[in-house]
Protein backbone atom coordinates (compact mmCIF):
# COMPACT_ATOMS: atom_id res chain seq x y z
CA MET A 1 347.18 286.12 -53.03
CA ARG A 2 344.32 288.46 -52.29
CA VAL A 3 341.25 288.10 -54.42
CA ARG A 4 339.90 291.31 -55.82
CA GLU A 5 336.39 292.35 -54.74
CA PRO A 6 334.57 291.72 -58.01
CA GLU A 7 336.29 288.40 -58.45
CA LYS A 8 335.38 287.45 -54.87
CA TRP A 9 331.70 288.07 -55.52
CA GLY A 10 331.88 286.13 -58.77
CA PHE A 11 333.50 283.24 -56.96
CA PHE A 12 330.77 283.18 -54.31
CA LEU A 13 328.09 283.41 -57.02
CA GLN A 14 329.52 280.41 -58.85
CA LEU A 15 329.83 278.52 -55.58
CA SER A 16 326.21 279.32 -54.73
CA ILE A 17 325.01 278.09 -58.11
CA VAL A 18 326.93 274.85 -57.64
CA PHE A 19 325.39 274.34 -54.19
CA LEU A 20 321.94 275.22 -55.55
CA LEU A 21 322.28 272.70 -58.36
CA LEU A 22 323.49 270.06 -55.96
CA TYR A 23 320.55 270.82 -53.66
CA CYS A 24 318.05 270.59 -56.49
CA VAL A 25 319.51 267.30 -57.70
CA CYS A 26 319.49 265.86 -54.23
CA PHE A 27 316.02 267.17 -53.50
CA SER A 28 314.72 265.84 -56.81
CA SER A 29 316.28 262.46 -56.19
CA ALA A 30 315.11 262.23 -52.63
CA GLY A 31 311.70 263.80 -53.26
CA TYR A 32 310.93 262.11 -56.56
CA ASN A 33 307.81 260.22 -55.59
CA SER A 34 308.50 256.54 -55.09
CA ASP A 35 305.13 255.74 -56.72
CA ILE A 36 306.30 257.36 -59.94
CA GLN A 37 309.49 255.32 -59.78
CA SER A 38 307.31 252.24 -59.24
CA LEU A 39 305.24 253.17 -62.29
CA PHE A 40 308.40 253.20 -64.41
CA THR A 41 309.33 249.79 -62.98
CA LEU A 42 305.85 248.48 -63.73
CA ARG A 43 306.09 249.89 -67.24
CA SER A 44 309.31 247.98 -67.80
CA SER A 45 307.56 244.73 -66.88
CA LEU A 46 304.85 245.46 -69.46
CA VAL A 47 307.14 246.50 -72.30
CA ARG A 48 306.14 243.48 -74.40
CA ARG A 49 302.60 244.86 -74.48
CA ARG A 50 303.50 248.45 -75.20
CA ASP A 51 301.18 248.47 -78.23
CA LEU A 52 298.19 247.91 -75.92
CA ILE A 53 299.02 250.78 -73.56
CA PRO A 54 300.69 253.36 -75.85
CA SER A 55 300.36 256.27 -73.42
CA TRP A 56 302.68 254.44 -71.01
CA PHE A 57 305.47 254.64 -73.59
CA ASP A 58 304.77 258.11 -74.87
CA GLY A 59 307.54 260.39 -73.60
CA LYS A 60 305.19 263.39 -73.71
CA THR A 61 302.67 261.84 -71.29
CA VAL A 62 303.39 262.16 -67.60
CA PRO A 63 302.96 258.93 -65.59
CA CYS A 64 299.87 260.10 -63.70
CA GLU A 65 298.14 260.55 -67.06
CA TRP A 66 298.92 257.06 -68.35
CA SER A 67 295.79 255.13 -69.28
CA GLY A 68 294.32 253.36 -66.28
CA VAL A 69 296.43 255.29 -63.75
CA LYS A 70 294.88 257.69 -61.26
CA CYS A 71 296.94 259.78 -58.88
CA ALA A 72 296.12 261.85 -55.83
CA ALA A 73 298.06 264.89 -54.63
CA HIS A 74 301.87 264.75 -54.77
CA ASP A 75 301.74 262.03 -57.47
CA ILE A 76 300.53 259.33 -55.09
CA VAL A 77 299.13 256.47 -57.21
CA GLU A 78 295.64 255.57 -55.95
CA ALA A 79 294.26 253.43 -58.76
CA ILE A 80 295.54 251.16 -61.53
CA ASP A 81 292.83 249.87 -63.88
CA LEU A 82 294.04 247.84 -66.86
CA SER A 83 290.86 245.79 -67.21
CA PHE A 84 290.09 244.32 -70.65
CA THR A 85 293.69 244.84 -71.79
CA PRO A 86 294.87 241.45 -73.14
CA LEU A 87 298.28 241.49 -71.50
CA ASN A 88 298.74 237.70 -71.52
CA LEU A 89 301.39 238.00 -68.78
CA SER A 90 301.83 237.09 -65.16
CA ILE A 91 300.91 239.73 -62.60
CA PRO A 92 304.12 241.73 -62.05
CA SER A 93 305.25 241.46 -58.42
CA CYS A 94 306.37 245.10 -58.52
CA ILE A 95 302.71 246.12 -58.20
CA GLY A 96 303.17 245.39 -54.51
CA ALA A 97 305.27 248.58 -54.24
CA PHE A 98 302.24 250.89 -54.48
CA SER A 99 301.56 251.14 -50.76
CA SER A 100 298.92 253.87 -51.19
CA LEU A 101 296.98 252.04 -53.90
CA LYS A 102 293.22 251.85 -53.27
CA LEU A 103 292.02 250.16 -56.47
CA LEU A 104 293.61 247.46 -58.61
CA ASN A 105 291.53 246.14 -61.49
CA MET A 106 293.17 243.66 -63.83
CA SER A 107 290.04 241.75 -64.81
CA SER A 108 289.82 240.24 -68.31
CA CYS A 109 293.52 240.79 -68.98
CA GLU A 110 294.34 237.19 -69.98
CA LEU A 111 296.62 236.98 -66.95
CA ILE A 112 298.47 233.72 -66.35
CA GLY A 113 300.48 232.28 -63.51
CA GLN A 114 299.81 232.71 -59.80
CA ILE A 115 298.67 235.62 -57.70
CA PRO A 116 301.92 237.06 -56.30
CA GLN A 117 302.48 237.23 -52.55
CA ALA A 118 303.54 240.87 -53.06
CA LEU A 119 299.91 241.93 -53.40
CA GLY A 120 299.72 241.51 -49.64
CA ASN A 121 301.83 244.69 -49.35
CA LEU A 122 298.98 246.85 -50.65
CA TRP A 123 297.89 247.82 -47.17
CA ASN A 124 295.47 250.52 -48.31
CA LEU A 125 293.80 248.51 -51.08
CA GLU A 126 290.00 248.72 -51.05
CA TYR A 127 289.09 247.17 -54.41
CA LEU A 128 290.81 244.17 -55.99
CA ASP A 129 289.40 242.60 -59.17
CA LEU A 130 291.36 239.82 -60.89
CA SER A 131 288.36 238.07 -62.43
CA SER A 132 288.08 236.48 -65.88
CA ASN A 133 291.73 235.50 -66.31
CA GLN A 134 293.65 232.23 -66.31
CA LEU A 135 295.22 232.60 -62.90
CA SER A 136 296.12 229.33 -61.19
CA GLY A 137 297.46 228.11 -57.90
CA SER A 138 296.07 228.95 -54.49
CA VAL A 139 295.09 232.28 -53.00
CA PRO A 140 298.23 233.62 -51.24
CA LEU A 141 297.96 233.95 -47.47
CA SER A 142 299.46 237.41 -47.71
CA LEU A 143 296.12 238.76 -48.96
CA ALA A 144 294.94 238.51 -45.37
CA ASN A 145 296.97 241.70 -44.82
CA LEU A 146 294.46 243.70 -46.88
CA THR A 147 292.34 244.57 -43.87
CA VAL A 148 290.55 247.58 -45.43
CA LEU A 149 289.49 245.70 -48.57
CA ARG A 150 285.89 246.45 -49.62
CA GLU A 151 285.58 244.32 -52.75
CA LEU A 152 287.47 241.15 -53.69
CA VAL A 153 286.59 239.55 -57.03
CA LEU A 154 288.50 236.44 -58.14
CA SER A 155 285.80 234.78 -60.25
CA SER A 156 286.40 232.93 -63.51
CA ASN A 157 289.97 231.76 -63.05
CA MET A 158 291.65 228.41 -62.42
CA LEU A 159 292.40 228.94 -58.75
CA HIS A 160 292.25 225.87 -56.54
CA GLY A 161 292.90 224.56 -53.09
CA ASN A 162 291.23 224.95 -49.74
CA LEU A 163 290.31 228.46 -48.71
CA GLY A 164 291.17 227.90 -45.08
CA ARG A 165 290.65 230.96 -42.93
CA ILE A 166 291.95 233.68 -45.19
CA PHE A 167 288.63 235.27 -46.16
CA GLY A 168 287.62 235.67 -42.54
CA GLN A 169 290.13 238.51 -42.13
CA PHE A 170 288.39 241.00 -44.40
CA LYS A 171 286.18 242.70 -41.82
CA SER A 172 285.31 245.62 -44.14
CA LEU A 173 284.41 243.50 -47.17
CA ILE A 174 281.05 244.19 -48.83
CA LYS A 175 281.57 242.08 -51.98
CA LEU A 176 283.29 238.69 -52.18
CA CYS A 177 283.16 236.72 -55.44
CA PHE A 178 285.20 233.63 -56.21
CA SER A 179 282.83 231.72 -58.49
CA GLU A 180 283.98 229.57 -61.43
CA ASN A 181 287.22 228.24 -60.00
CA TYR A 182 288.38 224.87 -58.68
CA PHE A 183 288.19 225.46 -54.93
CA THR A 184 287.50 222.39 -52.81
CA GLY A 185 286.83 221.47 -49.22
CA ASN A 186 284.41 223.03 -46.78
CA LEU A 187 283.39 226.63 -46.84
CA PRO A 188 285.30 228.30 -44.00
CA ARG A 189 283.17 229.18 -40.98
CA GLU A 190 285.20 232.40 -40.78
CA LEU A 191 283.02 233.76 -43.60
CA GLY A 192 280.59 234.55 -40.81
CA ASN A 193 283.04 237.21 -39.57
CA LEU A 194 282.34 239.38 -42.61
CA SER A 195 279.58 241.34 -40.93
CA GLU A 196 279.51 244.06 -43.64
CA LEU A 197 279.21 241.60 -46.53
CA GLN A 198 276.40 242.28 -49.03
CA ILE A 199 277.34 240.04 -51.97
CA LEU A 200 278.71 236.49 -51.60
CA GLU A 201 279.26 234.37 -54.70
CA PHE A 202 281.04 231.01 -54.72
CA SER A 203 279.13 229.14 -57.42
CA MET A 204 280.67 226.63 -59.84
CA ASN A 205 283.41 225.27 -57.60
CA SER A 206 283.72 221.93 -55.83
CA PHE A 207 282.87 222.91 -52.28
CA SER A 208 281.53 220.07 -50.16
CA GLY A 209 280.09 219.68 -46.70
CA SER A 210 277.29 221.78 -45.32
CA LEU A 211 276.72 225.49 -45.33
CA PRO A 212 278.38 226.90 -42.19
CA GLU A 213 275.91 228.06 -39.55
CA SER A 214 278.08 231.15 -39.08
CA LEU A 215 276.52 232.57 -42.27
CA GLU A 216 273.60 233.64 -40.08
CA ASN A 217 275.86 236.47 -38.89
CA LEU A 218 275.84 238.07 -42.35
CA THR A 219 272.94 240.33 -41.48
CA ASN A 220 273.73 242.79 -44.30
CA LEU A 221 273.76 240.12 -47.01
CA LEU A 222 271.72 240.98 -50.11
CA HIS A 223 272.79 238.31 -52.59
CA LEU A 224 273.97 234.73 -52.07
CA ASP A 225 274.97 232.43 -54.94
CA GLY A 226 276.39 229.02 -54.03
CA SER A 227 275.00 227.07 -56.96
CA HIS A 228 276.80 224.25 -58.79
CA ASN A 229 278.88 222.84 -55.96
CA ALA A 230 278.74 219.58 -53.99
CA LEU A 231 277.22 220.95 -50.81
CA THR A 232 275.37 218.41 -48.69
CA GLY A 233 273.42 218.25 -45.48
CA ALA A 234 270.33 220.10 -44.36
CA MET A 235 269.39 223.43 -45.84
CA PHE A 236 270.95 226.29 -43.91
CA SER A 237 268.73 227.09 -40.94
CA GLY A 238 269.76 230.68 -40.29
CA PHE A 239 267.93 232.44 -43.10
CA GLY A 240 265.64 234.17 -40.63
CA ASN A 241 268.53 236.37 -39.48
CA LEU A 242 269.30 237.53 -43.00
CA THR A 243 266.49 240.04 -43.11
CA LYS A 244 267.98 242.07 -45.99
CA LEU A 245 268.45 239.10 -48.30
CA LYS A 246 267.00 239.56 -51.79
CA THR A 247 268.31 236.70 -53.91
CA VAL A 248 269.46 233.18 -53.09
CA ASP A 249 270.68 230.52 -55.51
CA LEU A 250 271.76 227.22 -53.98
CA SER A 251 270.77 225.18 -57.01
CA PHE A 252 272.64 222.11 -58.25
CA ASN A 253 273.91 220.93 -54.89
CA SER A 254 272.81 217.95 -52.81
CA LEU A 255 271.13 219.84 -50.00
CA THR A 256 268.36 218.00 -48.21
CA GLY A 257 265.86 218.49 -45.46
CA PRO A 258 263.08 221.01 -45.06
CA LEU A 259 263.55 224.72 -45.43
CA SER A 260 264.08 226.56 -42.18
CA GLU A 261 260.80 227.66 -40.63
CA ASP A 262 262.16 231.16 -40.03
CA ILE A 263 262.83 231.67 -43.74
CA GLY A 264 259.44 233.33 -43.90
CA GLU A 265 260.82 236.16 -41.79
CA VAL A 266 263.02 237.39 -44.64
CA ASP A 267 261.29 240.55 -45.83
CA LYS A 268 262.73 241.14 -49.28
CA PHE A 269 263.32 237.71 -50.76
CA SER A 270 263.25 237.93 -54.56
CA ILE A 271 264.59 234.74 -56.09
CA PHE A 272 264.95 231.34 -54.51
CA MET A 273 266.29 228.47 -56.57
CA LEU A 274 265.92 224.90 -55.38
CA GLN A 275 267.47 222.70 -58.04
CA ALA A 276 268.51 219.27 -56.76
CA TYR A 277 265.70 219.04 -54.17
CA ARG A 278 263.62 215.89 -54.54
CA LYS A 279 260.35 217.77 -54.12
CA VAL A 280 259.26 221.36 -53.89
CA PRO A 281 259.44 222.15 -50.15
CA SER A 282 256.03 223.02 -48.73
CA GLU A 283 257.72 225.69 -46.61
CA ILE A 284 258.14 227.80 -49.73
CA SER A 285 254.57 228.99 -49.18
CA ASN A 286 255.77 230.77 -46.02
CA LEU A 287 257.81 233.25 -48.06
CA LYS A 288 255.09 235.88 -48.09
CA LYS A 289 257.43 238.61 -49.37
CA LEU A 290 258.78 236.52 -52.22
CA THR A 291 258.62 238.20 -55.63
CA ASP A 292 260.50 235.78 -57.91
CA ILE A 293 260.81 231.98 -57.88
CA ASP A 294 262.92 229.89 -60.24
CA ILE A 295 262.71 226.16 -59.60
CA SER A 296 263.37 225.10 -63.18
CA ASP A 297 265.73 222.35 -64.38
CA ASN A 298 264.94 219.93 -61.60
CA SER A 299 263.92 216.35 -61.16
CA PHE A 300 261.17 216.93 -58.63
CA MET A 301 258.70 214.23 -57.75
CA GLY A 302 255.14 215.38 -57.23
CA GLY A 303 253.57 218.72 -57.93
CA LEU A 304 253.48 222.25 -56.70
CA PRO A 305 252.55 222.40 -53.01
CA GLN A 306 249.25 223.81 -51.83
CA GLY A 307 249.57 227.22 -50.31
CA MET A 308 251.61 228.83 -53.07
CA GLY A 309 248.60 231.03 -53.64
CA ASN A 310 249.62 232.79 -50.42
CA LEU A 311 252.61 234.32 -52.21
CA THR A 312 250.59 237.31 -53.33
CA ASN A 313 253.67 239.43 -54.04
CA LEU A 314 254.94 236.96 -56.60
CA ASN A 315 255.80 238.44 -60.02
CA TYR A 316 257.63 235.48 -61.61
CA LEU A 317 257.04 231.77 -61.16
CA VAL A 318 259.41 229.82 -63.42
CA ALA A 319 259.25 226.02 -63.13
CA SER A 320 260.16 224.72 -66.59
CA HIS A 321 261.84 221.32 -66.97
CA ALA A 322 261.22 220.67 -63.27
CA GLY A 323 259.76 217.14 -63.37
CA LEU A 324 256.51 218.36 -61.81
CA SER A 325 253.29 216.38 -62.17
CA GLY A 326 249.69 216.26 -60.99
CA HIS A 327 247.18 219.08 -61.15
CA VAL A 328 248.03 222.75 -60.93
CA PRO A 329 246.84 224.13 -57.57
CA GLU A 330 243.67 226.17 -57.83
CA ASP A 331 245.02 228.80 -55.46
CA LEU A 332 247.59 230.01 -58.00
CA GLY A 333 244.72 232.13 -59.25
CA ASN A 334 245.26 234.32 -56.17
CA LEU A 335 248.54 235.60 -57.60
CA LYS A 336 247.15 238.83 -58.99
CA ASN A 337 250.63 240.34 -59.34
CA LEU A 338 251.98 237.41 -61.35
CA MET A 339 253.50 238.54 -64.65
CA ILE A 340 255.28 235.38 -65.82
CA LEU A 341 254.02 231.85 -65.25
CA ASP A 342 256.21 229.22 -66.89
CA LEU A 343 255.22 225.60 -66.23
CA SER A 344 256.51 224.27 -69.54
CA PHE A 345 258.10 220.86 -70.07
CA ASN A 346 256.59 219.08 -67.08
CA HIS A 347 253.99 216.35 -66.55
CA PHE A 348 251.00 218.40 -65.40
CA GLU A 349 247.59 217.08 -66.33
CA GLY A 350 243.94 217.98 -66.08
CA SER A 351 242.21 221.15 -67.16
CA LEU A 352 243.42 224.62 -66.38
CA PRO A 353 242.03 225.96 -63.08
CA ASN A 354 239.17 228.39 -63.66
CA SER A 355 240.73 230.58 -60.99
CA PHE A 356 243.33 231.58 -63.58
CA PHE A 357 240.86 234.04 -65.07
CA ALA A 358 241.89 236.36 -62.22
CA LEU A 359 245.58 236.55 -63.28
CA GLU A 360 245.03 240.12 -64.32
CA SER A 361 248.75 241.07 -64.50
CA ILE A 362 249.89 238.06 -66.52
CA ASN A 363 252.27 238.93 -69.35
CA SER A 364 253.69 235.54 -70.34
CA PHE A 365 251.83 232.25 -69.91
CA LEU A 366 253.82 229.16 -70.90
CA ILE A 367 252.42 225.69 -70.24
CA ASN A 368 253.64 223.92 -73.37
CA ASP A 369 254.78 220.29 -73.32
CA ASN A 370 252.53 218.95 -70.57
CA HIS A 371 249.38 216.81 -70.52
CA PHE A 372 246.71 219.47 -70.03
CA TYR A 373 243.40 218.73 -71.69
CA GLY A 374 239.97 220.22 -72.22
CA PRO A 375 238.89 223.25 -74.23
CA ILE A 376 241.13 226.30 -74.31
CA PRO A 377 239.32 228.52 -71.79
CA GLY A 378 237.55 231.57 -73.13
CA TRP A 379 238.41 233.48 -69.96
CA MET A 380 241.92 234.03 -71.36
CA SER A 381 240.35 237.07 -73.00
CA ASN A 382 240.30 238.61 -69.49
CA TRP A 383 244.11 238.81 -69.54
CA SER A 384 244.30 242.36 -70.78
CA MET A 385 248.09 242.61 -70.28
CA VAL A 386 249.18 239.30 -71.84
CA HIS A 387 251.81 239.29 -74.60
CA PHE A 388 252.79 235.60 -74.94
CA ILE A 389 250.67 232.45 -74.67
CA SER A 390 252.26 229.05 -75.36
CA LEU A 391 250.00 225.94 -75.22
CA ASP A 392 251.95 223.62 -77.56
CA ASN A 393 252.11 219.85 -77.12
CA ASN A 394 249.16 219.28 -74.83
CA ASN A 395 245.75 217.68 -75.38
CA PHE A 396 243.53 220.72 -75.71
CA PHE A 397 240.50 220.08 -77.90
CA GLY A 398 237.54 221.95 -79.28
CA THR A 399 237.58 225.22 -81.18
CA LEU A 400 239.98 228.07 -80.85
CA PRO A 401 238.45 230.78 -78.63
CA SER A 402 238.32 234.44 -79.54
CA LEU A 403 241.53 236.24 -78.65
CA ARG A 404 240.40 239.79 -78.01
CA LEU A 405 243.70 240.69 -76.42
CA GLN A 406 245.08 244.13 -77.12
CA TYR A 407 248.74 243.36 -76.40
CA LEU A 408 248.98 239.74 -77.54
CA THR A 409 251.98 239.31 -79.82
CA SER A 410 252.52 235.54 -79.82
CA PHE A 411 250.02 232.68 -79.58
CA THR A 412 251.12 229.07 -80.13
CA ALA A 413 249.04 225.92 -79.71
CA ASP A 414 250.82 223.40 -81.94
CA ALA A 415 250.31 219.66 -81.52
CA ASN A 416 246.95 219.63 -79.76
CA LEU A 417 243.54 218.31 -80.82
CA LEU A 418 241.97 221.59 -81.88
CA SER A 419 239.25 221.53 -84.54
CA GLY A 420 236.86 223.89 -86.27
CA GLU A 421 237.64 227.10 -88.11
CA ILE A 422 239.78 230.10 -87.28
CA PRO A 423 237.67 232.61 -85.31
CA THR A 424 236.51 235.47 -87.53
CA ASP A 425 237.67 238.02 -84.94
CA ILE A 426 241.20 236.68 -84.51
CA CYS A 427 242.67 239.93 -85.77
CA THR A 428 241.07 241.78 -82.88
CA ALA A 429 244.43 240.96 -81.30
CA GLU A 430 245.86 243.72 -83.45
CA MET A 431 249.44 243.35 -82.14
CA LEU A 432 249.58 239.64 -83.05
CA SER A 433 252.83 238.91 -84.88
CA HIS A 434 253.40 235.17 -84.33
CA LEU A 435 250.58 232.62 -84.72
CA SER A 436 251.42 228.92 -84.75
CA LEU A 437 248.67 226.27 -84.82
CA ALA A 438 250.45 223.40 -86.59
CA ASP A 439 249.56 219.73 -86.02
CA ASN A 440 245.88 220.08 -85.16
CA GLU A 441 242.57 219.23 -86.86
CA LEU A 442 241.65 222.79 -87.82
CA THR A 443 239.68 223.26 -91.01
CA GLY A 444 237.92 225.81 -93.19
CA SER A 445 239.13 228.46 -95.58
CA ILE A 446 241.47 231.27 -94.62
CA GLN A 447 240.23 233.43 -97.48
CA ASP A 448 239.43 236.34 -95.15
CA ALA A 449 240.66 235.09 -91.76
CA PHE A 450 243.85 237.14 -91.44
CA LYS A 451 243.10 240.24 -93.51
CA GLY A 452 243.12 242.48 -90.45
CA CYS A 453 246.26 241.04 -88.84
CA LEU A 454 248.43 243.94 -89.94
CA ASN A 455 251.39 243.01 -87.70
CA LEU A 456 251.51 239.30 -88.52
CA THR A 457 255.06 238.17 -89.37
CA ASP A 458 254.80 234.40 -88.81
CA LEU A 459 251.79 232.32 -89.85
CA ILE A 460 252.29 228.61 -89.19
CA LEU A 461 249.36 226.31 -90.00
CA ASN A 462 251.14 223.13 -91.13
CA ARG A 463 249.46 219.74 -90.86
CA ASN A 464 245.81 220.74 -90.51
CA LYS A 465 242.79 220.41 -92.80
CA PHE A 466 242.51 223.89 -94.28
CA PHE A 467 241.23 224.14 -97.84
CA GLY A 468 240.57 226.66 -100.57
CA GLN A 469 243.02 228.86 -102.42
CA VAL A 470 246.06 230.41 -100.77
CA PRO A 471 244.84 234.02 -100.46
CA GLY A 472 246.71 236.76 -102.30
CA TYR A 473 246.15 239.34 -99.56
CA LEU A 474 248.91 237.61 -97.55
CA SER A 475 251.37 239.68 -99.60
CA GLU A 476 249.96 242.82 -97.95
CA LEU A 477 250.89 241.57 -94.48
CA PRO A 478 254.46 241.91 -93.09
CA LEU A 479 254.89 238.13 -93.28
CA VAL A 480 258.40 236.75 -92.95
CA THR A 481 257.42 233.07 -92.61
CA LEU A 482 254.41 231.39 -94.24
CA GLU A 483 253.98 227.70 -93.43
CA LEU A 484 250.88 226.00 -94.91
CA SER A 485 252.28 222.57 -95.77
CA GLN A 486 250.25 219.35 -95.45
CA ASN A 487 246.78 220.83 -95.80
CA ASN A 488 244.22 220.73 -98.64
CA PHE A 489 244.92 224.07 -100.31
CA SER A 490 244.15 224.03 -104.04
CA GLY A 491 243.96 226.31 -107.05
CA LEU A 492 246.67 228.45 -108.54
CA LEU A 493 249.57 229.90 -106.61
CA PRO A 494 248.50 233.56 -106.42
CA ALA A 495 250.73 235.89 -108.45
CA GLN A 496 249.88 238.59 -105.90
CA LEU A 497 251.94 236.70 -103.31
CA MET A 498 255.04 237.47 -105.37
CA HIS A 499 254.69 241.14 -104.51
CA SER A 500 255.56 240.58 -100.86
CA LYS A 501 258.43 242.80 -99.70
CA THR A 502 259.08 240.94 -96.46
CA ILE A 503 258.63 237.21 -96.93
CA LEU A 504 261.73 235.05 -96.54
CA GLU A 505 260.30 231.53 -96.22
CA ILE A 506 257.35 229.87 -97.98
CA TYR A 507 256.34 226.29 -97.17
CA LEU A 508 253.43 224.94 -99.26
CA SER A 509 254.38 221.29 -99.70
CA ASP A 510 251.82 218.46 -99.74
CA ASN A 511 248.79 220.39 -100.92
CA GLN A 512 246.87 220.40 -104.23
CA ILE A 513 248.17 223.61 -105.72
CA SER A 514 247.98 223.46 -109.51
CA GLY A 515 248.89 225.43 -112.61
CA GLU A 516 252.21 226.97 -113.49
CA LEU A 517 254.71 228.77 -111.35
CA PRO A 518 254.21 232.47 -112.13
CA ASP A 519 257.11 234.24 -113.81
CA SER A 520 256.77 236.96 -111.16
CA ILE A 521 258.32 234.58 -108.63
CA GLY A 522 261.63 236.18 -109.58
CA TRP A 523 260.51 239.38 -107.83
CA LEU A 524 261.01 237.68 -104.45
CA SER A 525 264.72 238.49 -104.56
CA HIS A 526 265.04 238.26 -100.76
CA LEU A 527 263.45 234.77 -100.56
CA ARG A 528 265.58 232.19 -98.72
CA ARG A 529 263.42 229.06 -98.70
CA LEU A 530 260.72 227.84 -101.09
CA GLN A 531 259.15 224.42 -100.67
CA LEU A 532 256.37 223.31 -103.05
CA ASP A 533 256.89 219.53 -103.00
CA ASN A 534 254.07 217.14 -103.84
CA ASN A 535 251.55 219.47 -105.44
CA LEU A 536 249.98 219.53 -108.93
CA LEU A 537 252.22 222.13 -110.50
CA GLU A 538 253.02 221.74 -114.20
CA GLY A 539 254.61 223.55 -117.10
CA PHE A 540 258.05 225.02 -117.47
CA LEU A 541 260.19 226.23 -114.61
CA PRO A 542 260.28 230.03 -115.10
CA SER A 543 263.72 231.42 -115.91
CA SER A 544 263.11 234.27 -113.44
CA ILE A 545 263.73 231.81 -110.63
CA GLY A 546 267.40 232.34 -111.38
CA ARG A 547 267.08 235.85 -109.93
CA LEU A 548 266.48 234.46 -106.43
CA GLY A 549 270.05 235.12 -105.36
CA ASN A 550 269.38 234.61 -101.64
CA LEU A 551 267.65 231.26 -102.07
CA THR A 552 269.32 228.52 -100.00
CA ASN A 553 266.57 225.87 -100.22
CA LEU A 554 264.37 225.14 -103.22
CA SER A 555 262.26 221.99 -103.25
CA LEU A 556 259.86 221.22 -106.12
CA ARG A 557 259.87 217.45 -106.29
CA GLY A 558 256.63 215.54 -106.74
CA ASN A 559 255.21 217.92 -109.36
CA LYS A 560 255.03 217.89 -113.19
CA LEU A 561 257.39 220.75 -113.82
CA SER A 562 259.86 220.63 -116.69
CA GLY A 563 262.91 222.64 -117.70
CA ARG A 564 263.26 225.01 -120.63
CA SER A 565 266.12 224.74 -123.09
CA GLN A 566 268.11 227.94 -123.60
C-alpha cells in the first residue's frame, strides 16, 4: 500500500526521533565519564558513613561538588580529600579506578586494615597522605608504580616490615614521611636515588644498622629526622654534601664516632640534636653557620667543649637534662646573637663567666638545678632584652642585685643561699610579673618593697626570714598567688587585702599573724586556696567565710579559732 505524503513525513520524523534518542542514550552511556561512575562506586563503599559526608548523598549535588572532590574539565577527578573525616573503614580498593587523580588525602580518617594494592593504579598521583590512621601491614610494592609522586606521607600508623627498595623508585619525591610506625631492618640505600627530596622523616621506628652513605646524594635535603630508632655505627660522614640542610635530628639512637669534618661546610644548619652521644662532640664548634642547638635529654659525660664561642650565629643553645658537668666555657660570652641559653638540670659548677655580660641579645637565661655558686652578678642588668631568668637550686649567696631590666617578666632564685633585704629598686623592672625567692635567708620588711610592681601576679617568698606586717597595699597589685609561709610576719591580717579582685591563692602558714580573721574575708569570692596554719589567730570563725564558693583548700589548724553557734 502506498503511504500518503504527509504520513510518510510523519513516519520519517518519528523514526528520526527514535534514532536521535537511541544516539543520545548510547552517547550518554559511552561518554558518561568513568570517573563519575567511579565516584558513585566509591560513594557506595562509604554508605555507612553517609552522615559524615552528607553532600555525597544529596541528590541535588553533582558529584564534582561533593565535599573533598575536585574535578578538572570534562568531569575528570583530580583530587579527593577526606582528611579528618572519621570514616573508621578500610581504604576502598575502588579508589584505584581514578587514573587521573593527582591528590589523595585520607589523613586522620581512623582508617583500618591494609593499604590496598589498587593504589598502585593511580599513575598520575602526585600527593598521597595516609598519615594518622591505624593502617597495618606492609607498604604494598605496587606503590612503586607512582613514579610522579611528589609527597608521600604515611606517618603515625601501625605499618611494619622491611622497606626494601620501594622508596627508591620515587624520583620526583620532595617529601617522604613514614615516622611513628613499626618498620624494621636497615634503611634502604635506594633512598639516595631521591635526588629531589627536601624532607625525610623516619623517626620513631625500629630501624637498625648505619645510615646509608647514599644519603650524601640528597643535595636538596632541607630537613632530616631519624630520631628514636636503633641506628648504630659511625655518624654519617656525608653531611658536607648536603649544603641546603637546615635541621637534623638523629637523637635517641646509638650512633658513635666523631662528627664528619666536612659538617662545617653546611651553610644553613639550624638545629642539630645529639641525644645518645656519650659526650658533646668537639666538632660541633665547626658549625659556624649553626643557629639552633638542642642537645637536651642526654647522658653526656664531661662538659661543653671549648670553641663553642665560635658559633657566633647561634640563637638558641638548649642543653637541659644533658648530664653536663664542669665549668661553663668562658667563650660562650662571644655569642652576641644568643637569645635562649638553657643549661638547666645539669651538674655545672663554679661561678658564672664574667664574659656573659656581653650576651646583649639574651631573652631567656635558665641555669636552674646546677651547682653554680658565688654572688648573683650585677652585670645581669646589662641584659636589656631579657625576659626570663631562672637561677633556682644552686648555691648563689650574697644579696640580690638590682634588676633594672625593662622587659624582665620572670625572675626565680629559689633554694639558694641569698641573704639581705629586697633591693629598694626592684620595681624598676616594671614588667615583672613572677618573682620567686623561696628557700633562702632573705630578711627585712616588705612594707614598701613591691609598691611599684604594678604587673606583679606571683609573689613567692616562702621559707625566708622576712618580718613585719603583711602590707595591705598588696591588694592593689594584680596578684594571683601570694606565698609568704614560714617567715616571721606578725600583726593583724590586713583587712585591705580582702579587697583584692585578682587573688586566687594565699599562703601565710607558719608565721606570727595574730588577731581575728576579718569578716571582709567573704569578699574574696574567687579565692581557691587559703592557708593560715600555725599562726596566732583567735576568736570566732567569721560566717562570711561560707561565701567563698570557689574555695577548694582551707587550712586553719594550729590557731585558737573557734566556731560560732547559729
